[in-house]
Amino acid sequence: MGFIQKVFAALLSEKQMEAMRTDSEDWMVQCPCGGEISIWELGGIRYKAKSIGKRSLIRCQKCGKRTWHRYYRKSEGQPST
């Protein structure tokens, strides 16, 4: 669990934290190389978010390069390019 996740875990009930974890696990970040990981696995939180197409500059765990990763909801399918 990342630092931010620990802070929220200390402040919220178990039920609220579980809802936050479930929602955050549904949000993925995808590298142009095809590597992807959930926001939760990265140590982040994305709860009740709506925007799609957001991008973050992070290091890919698959290719090791720092690239702009695109956000998408796993439950809504992969983003189009």
Protein backbone atom coordinates (compact mmCIF):
# COMPACT_ATOMS: atom_id res chain seq x y z
CA MET A 1 0.00 0.00 0.00
CA GLY A 2 1.34 3.40 -1.01
CA PHE A 3 1.66 6.40 1.32
CA ILE A 4 -1.51 8.11 0.04
CA GLN A 5 -3.45 4.85 0.38
CA LYS A 6 -2.24 4.46 3.99
CA VAL A 7 -3.34 8.01 4.85
CA PHE A 8 -6.84 7.37 3.52
CA ALA A 9 -6.98 3.96 5.24
CA ALA A 10 -6.31 5.68 8.56
CA LEU A 11 -9.10 8.22 7.97
CA LEU A 12 -11.85 6.14 6.36
CA SER A 13 -13.92 3.16 7.41
CA GLU A 14 -13.12 -0.30 6.03
CA LYS A 15 -16.24 -0.17 3.84
CA GLN A 16 -15.24 3.20 2.33
CA MET A 17 -11.67 2.02 1.82
CA GLU A 18 -12.86 -1.14 0.07
CA ALA A 19 -15.04 0.92 -2.29
CA MET A 20 -12.08 3.19 -3.03
CA ARG A 21 -9.79 0.22 -3.68
CA THR A 22 -12.32 -1.45 -6.00
CA ASP A 23 -12.84 1.72 -8.02
CA SER A 24 -9.09 2.44 -8.21
CA GLU A 25 -8.36 -1.11 -9.41
CA ASP A 26 -10.76 -0.54 -12.33
CA TRP A 27 -8.70 2.44 -13.56
CA MET A 28 -5.69 1.45 -15.65
CA VAL A 29 -2.74 3.39 -17.05
CA GLN A 30 -1.38 2.21 -20.38
CA CYS A 31 2.04 2.81 -21.92
CA PRO A 32 2.41 3.20 -25.70
CA CYS A 33 4.37 -0.10 -25.61
CA GLY A 34 1.19 -1.85 -24.42
CA GLY A 35 2.22 -2.30 -20.78
CA GLU A 36 -0.48 -1.43 -18.28
CA ILE A 37 -1.09 -1.40 -14.55
CA SER A 38 -3.94 -0.33 -12.29
CA ILE A 39 -3.86 2.96 -10.42
CA TRP A 40 -4.14 0.99 -7.17
CA GLU A 41 -1.07 -1.12 -7.98
CA LEU A 42 0.87 2.09 -8.61
CA GLY A 43 0.01 3.22 -5.08
CA GLY A 44 -2.55 5.77 -6.19
CA ILE A 45 -6.25 6.40 -5.77
CA ARG A 46 -8.78 7.29 -8.45
CA TYR A 47 -12.20 7.20 -6.83
CA LYS A 48 -15.48 8.27 -8.44
CA ALA A 49 -13.52 9.76 -11.32
CA LYS A 50 -15.12 10.42 -14.70
CA SER A 51 -12.52 11.93 -17.03
CA ILE A 52 -11.10 9.64 -19.68
CA GLY A 53 -8.07 10.42 -21.79
CA LYS A 54 -6.05 11.89 -18.95
CA ARG A 55 -2.31 11.22 -19.25
CA SER A 56 0.56 11.05 -16.77
CA LEU A 57 4.29 10.92 -17.33
CA ILE A 58 5.45 7.77 -15.50
CA ARG A 59 8.02 5.01 -15.90
CA CYS A 60 6.61 1.89 -17.55
CA GLN A 61 7.10 -1.31 -15.58
CA LYS A 62 7.22 -3.29 -18.82
CA CYS A 63 9.64 -1.33 -21.06
CA GLY A 64 11.31 0.81 -18.37
CA LYS A 65 10.89 4.05 -20.35
CA ARG A 66 9.35 7.23 -18.95
CA THR A 67 6.42 7.92 -21.26
CA TRP A 68 2.98 9.49 -21.25
CA HIS A 69 0.58 6.81 -20.04
CA ARG A 70 -3.12 7.10 -20.85
CA TYR A 71 -5.84 6.44 -18.24
CA TYR A 72 -8.90 4.31 -18.97
CA ARG A 73 -11.50 2.26 -17.12
CA LYS A 74 -10.97 -1.47 -17.49
CA SER A 75 -14.75 -2.03 -17.24
CA GLU A 76 -15.28 0.26 -20.28
CA GLY A 77 -12.66 -1.39 -22.49
CA GLN A 78 -9.35 -0.22 -23.93
CA PRO A 79 -9.08 3.33 -25.26
CA SER A 80 -8.92 3.99 -28.97
CA THR A 81 -5.77 5.65 -30.26
